[in-house]
C-alpha atoms as a PDB file:
ATOM      1  CA  MET A   1     -24.667  30.822 -52.163  1.00  0.00           C
ATOM      2  CA  LYS A   2     -26.835  28.409 -50.777  1.00  0.00           C
ATOM      3  CA  LYS A   3     -24.287  26.000 -51.440  1.00  0.00           C
ATOM      4  CA  ILE A   4     -21.431  27.844 -48.968  1.00  0.00           C
ATOM      5  CA  LYS A   5     -23.958  28.513 -46.608  1.00  0.00           C
ATOM      6  CA  LYS A   6     -24.447  24.638 -46.436  1.00  0.00           C
ATOM      7  CA  SER A   7     -20.970  23.846 -46.428  1.00  0.00           C
ATOM      8  CA  LEU A   8     -20.554  26.726 -43.565  1.00  0.00           C
ATOM      9  CA  LYS A   9     -23.322  25.384 -41.687  1.00  0.00           C
ATOM     10  CA  PHE A  10     -21.940  21.443 -42.105  1.00  0.00           C
ATOM     11  CA  SER A  11     -17.746  22.754 -41.548  1.00  0.00           C
ATOM     12  CA  ILE A  12     -19.568  24.407 -37.686  1.00  0.00           C
ATOM     13  CA  ILE A  13     -21.197  21.102 -36.854  1.00  0.00           C
ATOM     14  CA  PHE A  14     -18.433  19.044 -38.063  1.00  0.00           C
ATOM     15  CA  LEU A  15     -16.048  21.419 -35.776  1.00  0.00           C
ATOM     16  CA  LEU A  16     -18.776  21.899 -32.680  1.00  0.00           C
ATOM     17  CA  PHE A  17     -19.155  17.463 -32.810  1.00  0.00           C
ATOM     18  CA  SER A  18     -15.136  17.447 -33.277  1.00  0.00           C
ATOM     19  CA  LEU A  19     -14.539  20.162 -29.935  1.00  0.00           C
ATOM     20  CA  ALA A  20     -17.650  17.553 -28.007  1.00  0.00           C
ATOM     21  CA  PHE A  21     -15.173  14.740 -29.239  1.00  0.00           C
ATOM     22  CA  PHE A  22     -12.266  15.759 -27.793  1.00  0.00           C
ATOM     23  CA  LEU A  23     -13.248  17.377 -24.859  1.00  0.00           C
ATOM     24  CA  ILE A  24     -14.979  14.129 -23.922  1.00  0.00           C
ATOM     25  CA  ILE A  25     -12.229  12.127 -24.663  1.00  0.00           C
ATOM     26  CA  PHE A  26      -9.844  14.770 -22.498  1.00  0.00           C
ATOM     27  CA  ILE A  27     -12.238  14.853 -19.749  1.00  0.00           C
ATOM     28  CA  ILE A  28     -11.831  11.083 -19.242  1.00  0.00           C
ATOM     29  CA  SER A  29      -8.369  10.334 -19.811  1.00  0.00           C
ATOM     30  CA  SER A  30      -7.911  12.749 -16.825  1.00  0.00           C
ATOM     31  CA  LYS A  31      -9.920  11.579 -14.727  1.00  0.00           C
ATOM     32  CA  ASN A  32      -7.643   8.158 -15.933  1.00  0.00           C
ATOM     33  CA  ILE A  33      -4.609   9.786 -14.871  1.00  0.00           C
ATOM     34  CA  LYS A  34      -6.046  10.737 -11.788  1.00  0.00           C
ATOM     35  CA  ASN A  35      -7.326   7.333 -10.624  1.00  0.00           C
ATOM     36  CA  HIS A  36      -3.677   6.167 -11.618  1.00  0.00           C
ATOM     37  CA  GLN A  37      -2.332   8.669  -9.175  1.00  0.00           C
ATOM     38  CA  ASP A  38      -4.890   7.810  -6.270  1.00  0.00           C
ATOM     39  CA  GLU A  39      -3.596   4.137  -6.898  1.00  0.00           C
ATOM     40  CA  SER A  40      -0.115   4.710  -7.036  1.00  0.00           C
ATOM     41  CA  HIS A  41      -0.300   6.767  -3.732  1.00  0.00           C
ATOM     42  CA  LYS A  42      -2.248   3.841  -2.098  1.00  0.00           C
ATOM     43  CA  GLU A  43       0.370   1.463  -3.018  1.00  0.00           C
ATOM     44  CA  TYR A  44       3.336   4.017  -1.726  1.00  0.00           C
ATOM     45  CA  ASN A  45       1.035   4.502   1.359  1.00  0.00           C
ATOM     46  CA  THR A  46      -0.178   0.570   2.162  1.00  0.00           C
ATOM     47  CA  PRO A  47       3.306  -1.648   2.996  1.00  0.00           C
ATOM     48  CA  SER A  48       4.317  -3.912   0.322  1.00  0.00           C
ATOM     49  CA  GLU A  49       5.310  -7.117   0.409  1.00  0.00           C
ATOM     50  CA  ASN A  50       8.956  -6.272   1.147  1.00  0.00           C
ATOM     51  CA  SER A  51       7.910  -3.142   3.708  1.00  0.00           C
ATOM     52  CA  LEU A  52       5.962  -3.818   6.076  1.00  0.00           C
ATOM     53  CA  SER A  53       6.177  -3.052   9.845  1.00  0.00           C
ATOM     54  CA  TYR A  54       5.738  -5.152  12.908  1.00  0.00           C
ATOM     55  CA  ILE A  55       6.889  -5.572  16.281  1.00  0.00           C
ATOM     56  CA  VAL A  56       8.225  -8.841  17.985  1.00  0.00           C
ATOM     57  CA  LYS A  57       7.460  -8.973  21.426  1.00  0.00           C
ATOM     58  CA  ASP A  58       6.759 -10.820  24.517  1.00  0.00           C
ATOM     59  CA  PHE A  59       2.994 -11.486  24.917  1.00  0.00           C
ATOM     60  CA  ASN A  60       2.324 -13.116  28.082  1.00  0.00           C
ATOM     61  CA  GLY A  61       5.487 -15.489  28.118  1.00  0.00           C
ATOM     62  CA  ASN A  62       5.578 -16.081  24.476  1.00  0.00           C
ATOM     63  CA  VAL A  63       7.082 -14.693  21.640  1.00  0.00           C
ATOM     64  CA  ALA A  64       4.635 -12.904  19.313  1.00  0.00           C
ATOM     65  CA  VAL A  65       4.398 -10.657  16.218  1.00  0.00           C
ATOM     66  CA  PHE A  66       2.581  -7.572  15.798  1.00  0.00           C
ATOM     67  CA  ASP A  67       1.218  -5.088  13.179  1.00  0.00           C
ATOM     68  CA  MET A  68       2.167  -1.745  13.740  1.00  0.00           C
ATOM     69  CA  GLY A  69       0.317  -0.233  15.996  1.00  0.00           C
ATOM     70  CA  SER A  70      -1.963  -2.929  16.712  1.00  0.00           C
ATOM     71  CA  GLU A  71      -2.246  -4.499  20.556  1.00  0.00           C
ATOM     72  CA  THR A  72      -4.130  -8.179  19.134  1.00  0.00           C
ATOM     73  CA  PRO A  73      -0.769 -10.509  17.799  1.00  0.00           C
ATOM     74  CA  ILE A  74      -1.068 -11.674  15.037  1.00  0.00           C
ATOM     75  CA  GLN A  75       0.967 -14.427  15.498  1.00  0.00           C
ATOM     76  CA  ILE A  76       1.768 -15.997  18.604  1.00  0.00           C
ATOM     77  CA  THR A  77       5.116 -18.243  18.485  1.00  0.00           C
ATOM     78  CA  GLU A  78       5.399 -21.516  20.777  1.00  0.00           C
ATOM     79  CA  VAL A  79       8.726 -19.677  22.105  1.00  0.00           C
ATOM     80  CA  HIS A  80       9.056 -19.139  25.837  1.00  0.00           C
ATOM     81  CA  THR A  81      10.363 -16.051  26.905  1.00  0.00           C
ATOM     82  CA  ASN A  82      11.793 -16.907  29.863  1.00  0.00           C
ATOM     83  CA  ASN A  83      14.260 -19.377  28.090  1.00  0.00           C
ATOM     84  CA  LEU A  84      15.875 -16.874  25.819  1.00  0.00           C
ATOM     85  CA  PRO A  85      18.975 -14.916  27.068  1.00  0.00           C
ATOM     86  CA  THR A  86      18.454 -11.963  29.242  1.00  0.00           C
ATOM     87  CA  SER A  87      19.536  -9.418  26.294  1.00  0.00           C
ATOM     88  CA  ASP A  88      16.598 -10.748  23.874  1.00  0.00           C
ATOM     89  CA  GLN A  89      14.179 -10.748  26.863  1.00  0.00           C
ATOM     90  CA  LYS A  90      15.215  -7.196  26.826  1.00  0.00           C
ATOM     91  CA  MET A  91      14.794  -6.530  23.709  1.00  0.00           C
ATOM     92  CA  LEU A  92      11.298  -8.199  23.505  1.00  0.00           C
ATOM     93  CA  GLN A  93       9.998  -6.258  26.612  1.00  0.00           C
ATOM     94  CA  GLN A  94      10.598  -2.928  24.345  1.00  0.00           C
ATOM     95  CA  GLY A  95       9.396  -4.535  21.002  1.00  0.00           C
ATOM     96  CA  ILE A  96      11.671  -5.371  18.242  1.00  0.00           C
ATOM     97  CA  ILE A  97      10.520  -3.390  15.237  1.00  0.00           C
ATOM     98  CA  VAL A  98      11.168  -5.113  12.223  1.00  0.00           C
ATOM     99  CA  LYS A  99      10.385  -3.476   8.145  1.00  0.00           C
ATOM    100  CA  SER A 100       9.906  -7.095   6.297  1.00  0.00           C
ATOM    101  CA  ARG A 101       8.733 -10.632   6.168  1.00  0.00           C
ATOM    102  CA  SER A 102      12.365 -11.805   5.194  1.00  0.00           C
ATOM    103  CA  GLU A 103      13.840  -9.485   8.458  1.00  0.00           C
ATOM    104  CA  LEU A 104      10.675 -11.062  10.543  1.00  0.00           C
ATOM    105  CA  HIS A 105      11.448 -14.509   9.341  1.00  0.00           C
ATOM    106  CA  SER A 106      15.060 -14.602  10.014  1.00  0.00           C
ATOM    107  CA  ILE A 107      13.902 -13.046  13.552  1.00  0.00           C
ATOM    108  CA  LEU A 108      12.008 -15.460  14.662  1.00  0.00           C
ATOM    109  CA  GLU A 109      14.191 -18.183  13.726  1.00  0.00           C
ATOM    110  CA  ASP A 110      17.226 -16.698  15.367  1.00  0.00           C
ATOM    111  CA  LEU A 111      15.197 -16.678  18.407  1.00  0.00           C
ATOM    112  CA  ASP A 112      13.675 -20.267  18.301  1.00  0.00           C
ATOM    113  CA  ASN A 113      16.941 -21.348  17.873  1.00  0.00           C
END
């Protein structure tokens, strides 16, 4: 009878420790999944190398590049807007929205030629 009680007690303790262990593993993995989802969401909302948004526009007579929504240029080129065709000057006054770095390089190259 004592042996059965001891065996039952051991089984219950083993079961409780196992349950606690799996509960801890579950909580840790849930946090990791949530962190991964948060990071994925951040990556989605943060512009990547190929999906940055810029505005190319006139800045004090030169072609300049701005981050979307910023009033401070991140790059001011040596291209003088008064030397460009009137159609380009009008587009630069309104601002040219650019969605990627490759498109940005292409536009700046076109304006420089």
